[in-house]
Amino acid sequence: MMQILLKTIIAMVVILYPIAIYFGLQHFEPKFIAMLLAALVVIRSFVARGKLFQAIKGLWIIVLIAGLAIASLSYFLNSTFGLQLYPAIITTSFLIVFGYSLYSPPSIIERIARFQDPDLPEEAIPYTVKVTKVWCLFFIFNILASLYTVFFTTIEIWTLYNGLISYVLMGTLFLAELIYRKIVHQAG
């Protein structure tokens, strides 16, 4: 029960990360927030043992290393730069894992689909590869948009994009694929 509560809290903190950074910077220096980020990254890596992290082997170590590097950068420079890079780094981690799965099958989407249906039909495999490619394209777009907000916009715009717009876009893609799959599955 305690582990579920801890996972829920960590998930909420990760989702609310940009908003927490924005408000945290109103009261604290970046180096103090960087220490909290490092703690969050370490705790998350020990707790992240769910089905998704089992399906995406290596994701937790990529997130751990990248998160600690970014937290260290912000701590030692006492700068928001590393803190603002974190969403792009996390998305890059997902891109690496999803992209690598295209060259080392099964694709990530196939692995996730097999948790729901271990007897996934062979004809579904090409579709899972296509969906994995679509997610890779989304991650590339999201990385570029996130980096743009880091380098060329204000902290408010960065917070808006990384704390709301990117999640809306991600949810829209997820729902669009789900609806498409239901329509195609019912038609087939």
N, C-alpha and C. Protein backbone atom coordinates (compact mmCIF):
# COMPACT_ATOMS: atom_id res chain seq x y z
N MET A 1 0.82 -1.19 0.00
CA MET A 1 0.00 0.00 0.00
C MET A 1 0.87 1.26 0.00
N MET A 2 1.95 1.23 0.80
CA MET A 2 2.83 2.39 0.89
C MET A 2 3.52 2.65 -0.45
N GLN A 3 3.90 1.57 -1.15
CA GLN A 3 4.57 1.74 -2.44
C GLN A 3 3.63 2.35 -3.48
N ILE A 4 2.36 1.98 -3.45
CA ILE A 4 1.38 2.56 -4.36
C ILE A 4 1.21 4.04 -4.08
N LEU A 5 1.13 4.40 -2.81
CA LEU A 5 1.02 5.80 -2.43
C LEU A 5 2.25 6.58 -2.89
N LEU A 6 3.44 6.01 -2.68
CA LEU A 6 4.68 6.66 -3.09
C LEU A 6 4.74 6.83 -4.61
N LYS A 7 4.34 5.80 -5.35
CA LYS A 7 4.31 5.89 -6.82
C LYS A 7 3.34 6.98 -7.28
N THR A 8 2.19 7.07 -6.62
CA THR A 8 1.20 8.09 -6.99
C THR A 8 1.75 9.49 -6.73
N ILE A 9 2.37 9.67 -5.58
CA ILE A 9 2.94 10.98 -5.24
C ILE A 9 4.03 11.36 -6.25
N ILE A 10 4.91 10.42 -6.56
CA ILE A 10 6.00 10.70 -7.51
C ILE A 10 5.43 11.02 -8.88
N ALA A 11 4.42 10.28 -9.32
CA ALA A 11 3.80 10.55 -10.62
C ALA A 11 3.22 11.95 -10.66
N MET A 12 2.56 12.36 -9.59
CA MET A 12 1.98 13.70 -9.54
C MET A 12 3.06 14.78 -9.57
N VAL A 13 4.15 14.54 -8.84
CA VAL A 13 5.26 15.51 -8.82
C VAL A 13 5.87 15.62 -10.21
N VAL A 14 6.07 14.49 -10.88
CA VAL A 14 6.65 14.51 -12.22
C VAL A 14 5.73 15.25 -13.19
N ILE A 15 4.44 14.98 -13.11
CA ILE A 15 3.49 15.64 -14.00
C ILE A 15 3.45 17.15 -13.73
N LEU A 16 3.51 17.50 -12.47
CA LEU A 16 3.43 18.92 -12.09
C LEU A 16 4.79 19.60 -12.06
N TYR A 17 5.84 18.91 -12.51
CA TYR A 17 7.21 19.41 -12.44
C TYR A 17 7.36 20.86 -12.94
N PRO A 18 6.93 21.17 -14.17
CA PRO A 18 7.12 22.55 -14.64
C PRO A 18 6.44 23.60 -13.77
N ILE A 19 5.26 23.27 -13.29
CA ILE A 19 4.53 24.22 -12.43
C ILE A 19 5.26 24.36 -11.09
N ALA A 20 5.75 23.24 -10.56
CA ALA A 20 6.50 23.28 -9.30
C ALA A 20 7.78 24.10 -9.46
N ILE A 21 8.44 23.95 -10.59
CA ILE A 21 9.67 24.72 -10.85
C ILE A 21 9.32 26.21 -10.90
N TYR A 22 8.29 26.55 -11.63
CA TYR A 22 7.90 27.95 -11.76
C TYR A 22 7.65 28.58 -10.38
N PHE A 23 6.81 27.92 -9.58
CA PHE A 23 6.50 28.48 -8.27
C PHE A 23 7.67 28.37 -7.30
N GLY A 24 8.45 27.30 -7.42
CA GLY A 24 9.62 27.15 -6.57
C GLY A 24 10.64 28.25 -6.78
N LEU A 25 10.81 28.67 -8.03
CA LEU A 25 11.77 29.73 -8.34
C LEU A 25 11.34 31.08 -7.79
N GLN A 26 10.07 31.21 -7.44
CA GLN A 26 9.60 32.45 -6.83
C GLN A 26 10.12 32.61 -5.41
N HIS A 27 10.54 31.48 -4.80
CA HIS A 27 10.92 31.50 -3.39
C HIS A 27 12.33 30.97 -3.09
N PHE A 28 12.90 30.19 -4.01
CA PHE A 28 14.18 29.54 -3.74
C PHE A 28 15.15 29.73 -4.90
N GLU A 29 16.43 29.63 -4.59
CA GLU A 29 17.45 29.65 -5.63
C GLU A 29 17.40 28.33 -6.41
N PRO A 30 17.81 28.36 -7.68
CA PRO A 30 17.79 27.13 -8.48
C PRO A 30 18.55 25.96 -7.86
N LYS A 31 19.66 26.24 -7.16
CA LYS A 31 20.45 25.13 -6.61
C LYS A 31 19.67 24.33 -5.57
N PHE A 32 18.78 24.98 -4.83
CA PHE A 32 17.99 24.26 -3.84
C PHE A 32 16.92 23.40 -4.52
N ILE A 33 16.36 23.92 -5.57
CA ILE A 33 15.38 23.14 -6.34
C ILE A 33 16.07 21.97 -7.03
N ALA A 34 17.31 22.19 -7.47
CA ALA A 34 18.10 21.12 -8.10
C ALA A 34 18.33 19.96 -7.13
N MET A 35 18.55 20.26 -5.87
CA MET A 35 18.73 19.20 -4.88
C MET A 35 17.45 18.38 -4.74
N LEU A 36 16.30 19.05 -4.77
CA LEU A 36 15.02 18.34 -4.70
C LEU A 36 14.81 17.49 -5.94
N LEU A 37 15.20 18.03 -7.10
CA LEU A 37 15.10 17.27 -8.35
C LEU A 37 15.95 16.01 -8.27
N ALA A 38 17.17 16.14 -7.79
CA ALA A 38 18.05 14.97 -7.66
C ALA A 38 17.43 13.92 -6.75
N ALA A 39 16.86 14.36 -5.64
CA ALA A 39 16.21 13.42 -4.72
C ALA A 39 15.02 12.73 -5.39
N LEU A 40 14.21 13.51 -6.12
CA LEU A 40 13.07 12.95 -6.83
C LEU A 40 13.52 11.91 -7.85
N VAL A 41 14.56 12.22 -8.60
CA VAL A 41 15.06 11.30 -9.63
C VAL A 41 15.53 9.99 -9.00
N VAL A 42 16.24 10.08 -7.90
CA VAL A 42 16.74 8.87 -7.23
C VAL A 42 15.58 8.05 -6.68
N ILE A 43 14.65 8.70 -5.99
CA ILE A 43 13.49 7.98 -5.44
C ILE A 43 12.68 7.35 -6.56
N ARG A 44 12.48 8.10 -7.63
CA ARG A 44 11.69 7.58 -8.76
C ARG A 44 12.36 6.35 -9.37
N SER A 45 13.67 6.35 -9.46
CA SER A 45 14.36 5.21 -10.07
C SER A 45 14.21 3.95 -9.23
N PHE A 46 14.12 4.08 -7.90
CA PHE A 46 13.95 2.92 -7.05
C PHE A 46 12.51 2.42 -7.01
N VAL A 47 11.57 3.32 -7.21
CA VAL A 47 10.15 2.97 -7.15
C VAL A 47 9.64 2.50 -8.51
N ALA A 48 10.28 2.92 -9.58
CA ALA A 48 9.79 2.66 -10.94
C ALA A 48 10.03 1.21 -11.34
N ARG A 49 9.19 0.36 -10.86
CA ARG A 49 9.31 -1.06 -11.19
C ARG A 49 7.99 -1.62 -11.71
N GLY A 50 7.12 -0.75 -12.22
CA GLY A 50 5.81 -1.18 -12.71
C GLY A 50 5.92 -1.86 -14.06
N LYS A 51 4.78 -2.22 -14.61
CA LYS A 51 4.74 -2.93 -15.89
C LYS A 51 5.37 -2.14 -17.02
N LEU A 52 5.13 -0.82 -17.07
CA LEU A 52 5.70 -0.01 -18.14
C LEU A 52 7.22 -0.04 -18.10
N PHE A 53 7.79 0.10 -16.90
CA PHE A 53 9.24 0.11 -16.79
C PHE A 53 9.83 -1.28 -17.02
N GLN A 54 9.06 -2.32 -16.80
CA GLN A 54 9.52 -3.66 -17.15
C GLN A 54 9.51 -3.83 -18.66
N ALA A 55 8.50 -3.26 -19.32
CA ALA A 55 8.40 -3.36 -20.77
C ALA A 55 9.48 -2.54 -21.46
N ILE A 56 9.83 -1.43 -20.86
CA ILE A 56 10.83 -0.54 -21.45
C ILE A 56 12.11 -0.69 -20.63
N LYS A 57 12.80 -1.80 -20.84
CA LYS A 57 14.01 -2.07 -20.08
C LYS A 57 15.04 -0.96 -20.33
N GLY A 58 15.68 -0.54 -19.28
CA GLY A 58 16.71 0.49 -19.40
C GLY A 58 16.21 1.90 -19.27
N LEU A 59 14.90 2.11 -19.34
CA LEU A 59 14.37 3.47 -19.26
C LEU A 59 14.72 4.12 -17.93
N TRP A 60 14.57 3.39 -16.86
CA TRP A 60 14.81 3.97 -15.54
C TRP A 60 16.26 4.42 -15.38
N ILE A 61 17.21 3.68 -15.93
CA ILE A 61 18.62 4.07 -15.79
C ILE A 61 18.93 5.31 -16.64
N ILE A 62 18.30 5.41 -17.81
CA ILE A 62 18.48 6.59 -18.65
C ILE A 62 17.93 7.82 -17.94
N VAL A 63 16.74 7.68 -17.36
CA VAL A 63 16.11 8.80 -16.65
C VAL A 63 16.95 9.16 -15.42
N LEU A 64 17.47 8.17 -14.72
CA LEU A 64 18.28 8.43 -13.54
C LEU A 64 19.55 9.22 -13.90
N ILE A 65 20.28 8.76 -14.88
CA ILE A 65 21.53 9.43 -15.27
C ILE A 65 21.26 10.84 -15.79
N ALA A 66 20.29 10.95 -16.69
CA ALA A 66 19.97 12.27 -17.26
C ALA A 66 19.47 13.23 -16.18
N GLY A 67 18.61 12.74 -15.30
CA GLY A 67 18.07 13.59 -14.25
C GLY A 67 19.14 14.08 -13.29
N LEU A 68 20.04 13.19 -12.91
CA LEU A 68 21.13 13.60 -12.01
C LEU A 68 22.09 14.55 -12.70
N ALA A 69 22.34 14.36 -13.98
CA ALA A 69 23.22 15.28 -14.72
C ALA A 69 22.62 16.68 -14.78
N ILE A 70 21.33 16.74 -15.08
CA ILE A 70 20.64 18.03 -15.17
C ILE A 70 20.57 18.71 -13.80
N ALA A 71 20.27 17.93 -12.77
CA ALA A 71 20.21 18.49 -11.42
C ALA A 71 21.59 19.01 -11.01
N SER A 72 22.63 18.28 -11.34
CA SER A 72 24.00 18.73 -11.01
C SER A 72 24.34 20.02 -11.73
N LEU A 73 23.98 20.10 -13.00
CA LEU A 73 24.23 21.31 -13.78
C LEU A 73 23.57 22.53 -13.12
N SER A 74 22.31 22.38 -12.76
CA SER A 74 21.60 23.49 -12.12
C SER A 74 22.16 23.81 -10.74
N TYR A 75 22.58 22.79 -10.02
CA TYR A 75 23.12 23.01 -8.69
C TYR A 75 24.45 23.78 -8.76
N PHE A 76 25.36 23.29 -9.57
CA PHE A 76 26.69 23.90 -9.61
C PHE A 76 26.70 25.28 -10.27
N LEU A 77 25.80 25.50 -11.23
CA LEU A 77 25.71 26.81 -11.87
C LEU A 77 24.70 27.72 -11.18
N ASN A 78 23.93 27.16 -10.24
CA ASN A 78 22.83 27.88 -9.60
C ASN A 78 21.97 28.57 -10.66
N SER A 79 21.60 27.77 -11.65
CA SER A 79 20.90 28.28 -12.83
C SER A 79 19.63 27.48 -13.08
N THR A 80 18.66 28.13 -13.69
CA THR A 80 17.42 27.43 -14.06
C THR A 80 17.60 26.60 -15.33
N PHE A 81 18.71 26.80 -16.02
CA PHE A 81 18.93 26.15 -17.32
C PHE A 81 18.72 24.64 -17.24
N GLY A 82 19.40 23.98 -16.33
CA GLY A 82 19.25 22.53 -16.20
C GLY A 82 17.85 22.13 -15.79
N LEU A 83 17.26 22.90 -14.88
CA LEU A 83 15.90 22.61 -14.44
C LEU A 83 14.93 22.68 -15.61
N GLN A 84 15.14 23.65 -16.48
CA GLN A 84 14.25 23.80 -17.64
C GLN A 84 14.52 22.73 -18.70
N LEU A 85 15.73 22.21 -18.75
CA LEU A 85 16.05 21.16 -19.73
C LEU A 85 15.43 19.81 -19.37
N TYR A 86 15.08 19.62 -18.13
CA TYR A 86 14.62 18.31 -17.67
C TYR A 86 13.49 17.71 -18.52
N PRO A 87 12.42 18.45 -18.84
CA PRO A 87 11.38 17.85 -19.69
C PRO A 87 11.90 17.38 -21.06
N ALA A 88 12.79 18.15 -21.65
CA ALA A 88 13.35 17.74 -22.95
C ALA A 88 14.22 16.50 -22.80
N ILE A 89 14.95 16.41 -21.69
CA ILE A 89 15.80 15.24 -21.44
C ILE A 89 14.94 14.00 -21.23
N ILE A 90 13.88 14.14 -20.48
CA ILE A 90 12.99 13.00 -20.25
C ILE A 90 12.37 12.54 -21.57
N THR A 91 11.92 13.49 -22.38
CA THR A 91 11.34 13.13 -23.68
C THR A 91 12.39 12.49 -24.57
N THR A 92 13.62 12.97 -24.52
CA THR A 92 14.71 12.37 -25.29
C THR A 92 14.95 10.93 -24.84
N SER A 93 14.85 10.69 -23.54
CA SER A 93 15.00 9.32 -23.02
C SER A 93 13.95 8.39 -23.62
N PHE A 94 12.71 8.88 -23.67
CA PHE A 94 11.65 8.08 -24.28
C PHE A 94 11.91 7.87 -25.76
N LEU A 95 12.36 8.91 -26.45
CA LEU A 95 12.67 8.77 -27.88
C LEU A 95 13.74 7.71 -28.11
N ILE A 96 14.78 7.72 -27.29
CA ILE A 96 15.85 6.73 -27.43
C ILE A 96 15.31 5.32 -27.24
N VAL A 97 14.52 5.13 -26.21
CA VAL A 97 14.00 3.79 -25.92
C VAL A 97 13.02 3.34 -27.00
N PHE A 98 12.09 4.22 -27.38
CA PHE A 98 11.11 3.86 -28.41
C PHE A 98 11.83 3.62 -29.75
N GLY A 99 12.76 4.52 -30.09
CA GLY A 99 13.48 4.38 -31.35
C GLY A 99 14.32 3.12 -31.38
N TYR A 100 15.01 2.83 -30.29
CA TYR A 100 15.84 1.62 -30.24
C TYR A 100 14.99 0.37 -30.41
N SER A 101 13.77 0.40 -29.88
CA SER A 101 12.91 -0.78 -29.99
C SER A 101 12.51 -1.07 -31.44
N LEU A 102 12.60 -0.06 -32.31
CA LEU A 102 12.32 -0.31 -33.72
C LEU A 102 13.45 -1.10 -34.38
N TYR A 103 14.65 -0.97 -33.84
CA TYR A 103 15.81 -1.69 -34.38
C TYR A 103 16.10 -2.97 -33.62
N SER A 104 15.49 -3.11 -32.47
CA SER A 104 15.65 -4.30 -31.64
C SER A 104 14.27 -4.75 -31.18
N PRO A 105 13.51 -5.36 -32.11
CA PRO A 105 12.13 -5.73 -31.80
C PRO A 105 12.05 -6.68 -30.60
N PRO A 106 10.90 -6.73 -29.97
CA PRO A 106 9.63 -6.11 -30.36
C PRO A 106 9.60 -4.62 -30.00
N SER A 107 8.76 -3.90 -30.74
CA SER A 107 8.63 -2.46 -30.50
C SER A 107 8.01 -2.22 -29.12
N ILE A 108 8.23 -1.04 -28.59
CA ILE A 108 7.69 -0.70 -27.28
C ILE A 108 6.18 -0.85 -27.25
N ILE A 109 5.50 -0.39 -28.28
CA ILE A 109 4.04 -0.49 -28.30
C ILE A 109 3.61 -1.95 -28.31
N GLU A 110 4.34 -2.80 -29.01
CA GLU A 110 4.02 -4.23 -28.98
C GLU A 110 4.21 -4.80 -27.58
N ARG A 111 5.29 -4.42 -26.92
CA ARG A 111 5.53 -4.91 -25.55
C ARG A 111 4.41 -4.48 -24.61
N ILE A 112 4.00 -3.22 -24.73
CA ILE A 112 2.92 -2.72 -23.89
C ILE A 112 1.61 -3.44 -24.23
N ALA A 113 1.36 -3.65 -25.54
CA ALA A 113 0.14 -4.34 -25.97
C ALA A 113 0.10 -5.77 -25.44
N ARG A 114 1.24 -6.39 -25.34
CA ARG A 114 1.29 -7.78 -24.85
C ARG A 114 0.97 -7.89 -23.36
N PHE A 115 1.10 -6.79 -22.62
CA PHE A 115 0.66 -6.83 -21.23
C PHE A 115 -0.86 -6.94 -21.17
N GLN A 116 -1.54 -6.31 -22.13
CA GLN A 116 -3.00 -6.39 -22.17
C GLN A 116 -3.45 -7.68 -22.82
N ASP A 117 -2.73 -8.13 -23.84
CA ASP A 117 -3.10 -9.33 -24.60
C ASP A 117 -1.84 -10.13 -24.90
N PRO A 118 -1.48 -11.08 -24.03
CA PRO A 118 -0.27 -11.86 -24.26
C PRO A 118 -0.28 -12.63 -25.58
N ASP A 119 -1.48 -12.94 -26.09
CA ASP A 119 -1.61 -13.65 -27.36
C ASP A 119 -1.91 -12.69 -28.50
N LEU A 120 -1.18 -11.58 -28.53
CA LEU A 120 -1.38 -10.57 -29.57
C LEU A 120 -1.25 -11.22 -30.94
N PRO A 121 -2.24 -11.03 -31.81
CA PRO A 121 -2.18 -11.67 -33.13
C PRO A 121 -1.00 -11.14 -33.96
N GLU A 122 -0.43 -12.00 -34.75
CA GLU A 122 0.74 -11.65 -35.57
C GLU A 122 0.44 -10.50 -36.52
N GLU A 123 -0.79 -10.40 -37.00
CA GLU A 123 -1.15 -9.32 -37.92
C GLU A 123 -1.20 -7.95 -37.24
N ALA A 124 -1.19 -7.94 -35.91
CA ALA A 124 -1.19 -6.66 -35.17
C ALA A 124 0.20 -6.06 -35.05
N ILE A 125 1.24 -6.85 -35.29
CA ILE A 125 2.63 -6.40 -35.10
C ILE A 125 2.98 -5.21 -35.98
N PRO A 126 2.68 -5.23 -37.29
CA PRO A 126 3.01 -4.04 -38.11
C PRO A 126 2.33 -2.76 -37.60
N TYR A 127 1.13 -2.90 -37.08
CA TYR A 127 0.43 -1.73 -36.54
C TYR A 127 1.18 -1.19 -35.33
N THR A 128 1.63 -2.07 -34.45
CA THR A 128 2.35 -1.61 -33.25
C THR A 128 3.66 -0.90 -33.64
N VAL A 129 4.28 -1.35 -34.72
CA VAL A 129 5.50 -0.69 -35.21
C VAL A 129 5.17 0.71 -35.72
N LYS A 130 4.07 0.84 -36.46
CA LYS A 130 3.65 2.15 -36.96
C LYS A 130 3.34 3.11 -35.81
N VAL A 131 2.65 2.61 -34.79
CA VAL A 131 2.32 3.46 -33.65
C VAL A 131 3.59 3.88 -32.92
N THR A 132 4.55 2.99 -32.79
CA THR A 132 5.83 3.34 -32.17
C THR A 132 6.52 4.44 -32.96
N LYS A 133 6.47 4.37 -34.29
CA LYS A 133 7.08 5.42 -35.13
C LYS A 133 6.35 6.75 -34.94
N VAL A 134 5.03 6.70 -34.84
CA VAL A 134 4.26 7.94 -34.61
C VAL A 134 4.68 8.57 -33.29
N TRP A 135 4.83 7.75 -32.25
CA TRP A 135 5.26 8.28 -30.96
C TRP A 135 6.68 8.87 -31.06
N CYS A 136 7.54 8.24 -31.82
CA CYS A 136 8.89 8.79 -32.02
C CYS A 136 8.82 10.17 -32.67
N LEU A 137 7.97 10.32 -33.67
CA LEU A 137 7.80 11.64 -34.31
C LEU A 137 7.26 12.65 -33.31
N PHE A 138 6.30 12.23 -32.50
CA PHE A 138 5.77 13.13 -31.47
C PHE A 138 6.88 13.55 -30.51
N PHE A 139 7.68 12.59 -30.08
CA PHE A 139 8.77 12.92 -29.14
C PHE A 139 9.75 13.91 -29.76
N ILE A 140 10.06 13.76 -31.03
CA ILE A 140 10.96 14.70 -31.71
C ILE A 140 10.35 16.10 -31.70
N PHE A 141 9.09 16.19 -32.08
CA PHE A 141 8.40 17.48 -32.05
C PHE A 141 8.42 18.07 -30.64
N ASN A 142 8.10 17.25 -29.66
CA ASN A 142 8.02 17.73 -28.27
C ASN A 142 9.39 18.19 -27.76
N ILE A 143 10.43 17.49 -28.12
CA ILE A 143 11.80 17.89 -27.72
C ILE A 143 12.12 19.26 -28.31
N LEU A 144 11.85 19.41 -29.60
CA LEU A 144 12.16 20.69 -30.26
C LEU A 144 11.34 21.84 -29.66
N ALA A 145 10.07 21.59 -29.42
CA ALA A 145 9.22 22.64 -28.82
C ALA A 145 9.68 22.96 -27.41
N SER A 146 10.02 21.94 -26.65
CA SER A 146 10.49 22.17 -25.29
C SER A 146 11.81 22.95 -25.29
N LEU A 147 12.73 22.57 -26.15
CA LEU A 147 14.01 23.29 -26.24
C LEU A 147 13.80 24.74 -26.68
N TYR A 148 12.85 24.94 -27.59
CA TYR A 148 12.54 26.30 -28.02
C TYR A 148 12.11 27.14 -26.82
N THR A 149 11.27 26.56 -25.95
CA THR A 149 10.81 27.31 -24.78
C THR A 149 11.95 27.59 -23.81
N VAL A 150 12.94 26.70 -23.75
CA VAL A 150 14.09 26.91 -22.87
C VAL A 150 14.93 28.09 -23.35
N PHE A 151 15.22 28.11 -24.65
CA PHE A 151 16.18 29.07 -25.20
C PHE A 151 15.58 30.40 -25.67
N PHE A 152 14.30 30.39 -26.06
CA PHE A 152 13.76 31.58 -26.72
C PHE A 152 12.51 32.18 -26.09
N THR A 153 12.08 31.66 -24.95
CA THR A 153 10.87 32.21 -24.33
C THR A 153 11.11 32.49 -22.85
N THR A 154 10.09 32.99 -22.23
CA THR A 154 10.14 33.28 -20.79
C THR A 154 9.85 32.01 -19.99
N ILE A 155 10.11 32.07 -18.70
CA ILE A 155 9.81 30.95 -17.82
C ILE A 155 8.30 30.67 -17.79
N GLU A 156 7.50 31.70 -17.98
CA GLU A 156 6.04 31.51 -18.00
C GLU A 156 5.61 30.69 -19.22
N ILE A 157 6.17 31.00 -20.38
CA ILE A 157 5.85 30.24 -21.60
C ILE A 157 6.38 28.82 -21.48
N TRP A 158 7.60 28.68 -20.93
CA TRP A 158 8.17 27.35 -20.70
C TRP A 158 7.23 26.53 -19.82
N THR A 159 6.74 27.13 -18.75
CA THR A 159 5.83 26.44 -17.83
C THR A 159 4.54 26.06 -18.53
N LEU A 160 3.98 26.98 -19.31
CA LEU A 160 2.73 26.71 -20.03
C LEU A 160 2.89 25.55 -21.00
N TYR A 161 3.97 25.56 -21.79
CA TYR A 161 4.15 24.48 -22.77
C TYR A 161 4.43 23.16 -22.07
N ASN A 162 5.45 23.14 -21.21
CA ASN A 162 5.90 21.90 -20.60
C ASN A 162 4.98 21.39 -19.49
N GLY A 163 4.19 22.28 -18.91
CA GLY A 163 3.30 21.88 -17.83
C GLY A 163 1.85 21.68 -18.23
N LEU A 164 1.52 22.06 -19.48
CA LEU A 164 0.13 21.89 -19.91
C LEU A 164 0.04 21.46 -21.38
N ILE A 165 0.53 22.29 -22.26
CA ILE A 165 0.34 22.04 -23.69
C ILE A 165 0.91 20.69 -24.12
N SER A 166 2.12 20.36 -23.68
CA SER A 166 2.71 19.08 -24.09
C SER A 166 1.87 17.90 -23.60
N TYR A 167 1.29 18.02 -22.40
CA TYR A 167 0.44 16.95 -21.88
C TYR A 167 -0.87 16.84 -22.67
N VAL A 168 -1.41 17.98 -23.06
CA VAL A 168 -2.63 17.97 -23.88
C VAL A 168 -2.34 17.31 -25.22
N LEU A 169 -1.21 17.66 -25.83
CA LEU A 169 -0.83 17.05 -27.10
C LEU A 169 -0.62 15.54 -26.96
N MET A 170 0.05 15.14 -25.89
CA MET A 170 0.30 13.72 -25.64
C MET A 170 -1.01 12.98 -25.43
N GLY A 171 -1.90 13.56 -24.64
CA GLY A 171 -3.20 12.94 -24.39
C GLY A 171 -4.03 12.86 -25.66
N THR A 172 -3.94 13.89 -26.49
CA THR A 172 -4.67 13.90 -27.76
C THR A 172 -4.18 12.78 -28.67
N LEU A 173 -2.86 12.62 -28.76
CA LEU A 173 -2.30 11.54 -29.58
C LEU A 173 -2.73 10.19 -29.04
N PHE A 174 -2.64 10.01 -27.75
CA PHE A 174 -3.03 8.74 -27.13
C PHE A 174 -4.50 8.42 -27.41
N LEU A 175 -5.38 9.40 -27.19
CA LEU A 175 -6.81 9.19 -27.42
C LEU A 175 -7.13 8.98 -28.90
N ALA A 176 -6.46 9.73 -29.78
CA ALA A 176 -6.69 9.56 -31.22
C ALA A 176 -6.32 8.15 -31.66
N GLU A 177 -5.20 7.65 -31.16
CA GLU A 177 -4.78 6.29 -31.52
C GLU A 177 -5.75 5.27 -30.96
N LEU A 178 -6.20 5.47 -29.73
CA LEU A 178 -7.14 4.56 -29.10
C LEU A 178 -8.45 4.51 -29.87
N ILE A 179 -8.96 5.68 -30.24
CA ILE A 179 -10.21 5.75 -31.01
C ILE A 179 -10.04 5.11 -32.38
N TYR A 180 -8.92 5.42 -33.04
CA TYR A 180 -8.64 4.83 -34.36
C TYR A 180 -8.59 3.30 -34.25
N ARG A 181 -7.89 2.80 -33.23
CA ARG A 181 -7.75 1.36 -33.05
C ARG A 181 -9.11 0.71 -32.80
N LYS A 182 -9.96 1.36 -32.01
CA LYS A 182 -11.30 0.81 -31.73
C LYS A 182 -12.14 0.77 -33.00
N ILE A 183 -12.06 1.85 -33.80
CA ILE A 183 -12.83 1.91 -35.05
C ILE A 183 -12.36 0.83 -36.03
N VAL A 184 -11.03 0.73 -36.19
CA VAL A 184 -10.47 -0.26 -37.12
C VAL A 184 -10.75 -1.67 -36.61
N HIS A 185 -10.63 -1.88 -35.30
CA HIS A 185 -10.87 -3.21 -34.73
C HIS A 185 -12.33 -3.63 -34.91
N GLN A 186 -13.28 -2.68 -34.74
CA GLN A 186 -14.68 -2.99 -34.92
C GLN A 186 -15.01 -3.23 -36.39
N ALA A 187 -14.33 -2.48 -37.29
CA ALA A 187 -14.58 -2.66 -38.72
C ALA A 187 -13.99 -3.96 -39.23
N GLY A 188 -12.89 -4.41 -38.59
CA GLY A 188 -12.17 -5.60 -39.05
C GLY A 188 -12.70 -6.82 -38.47
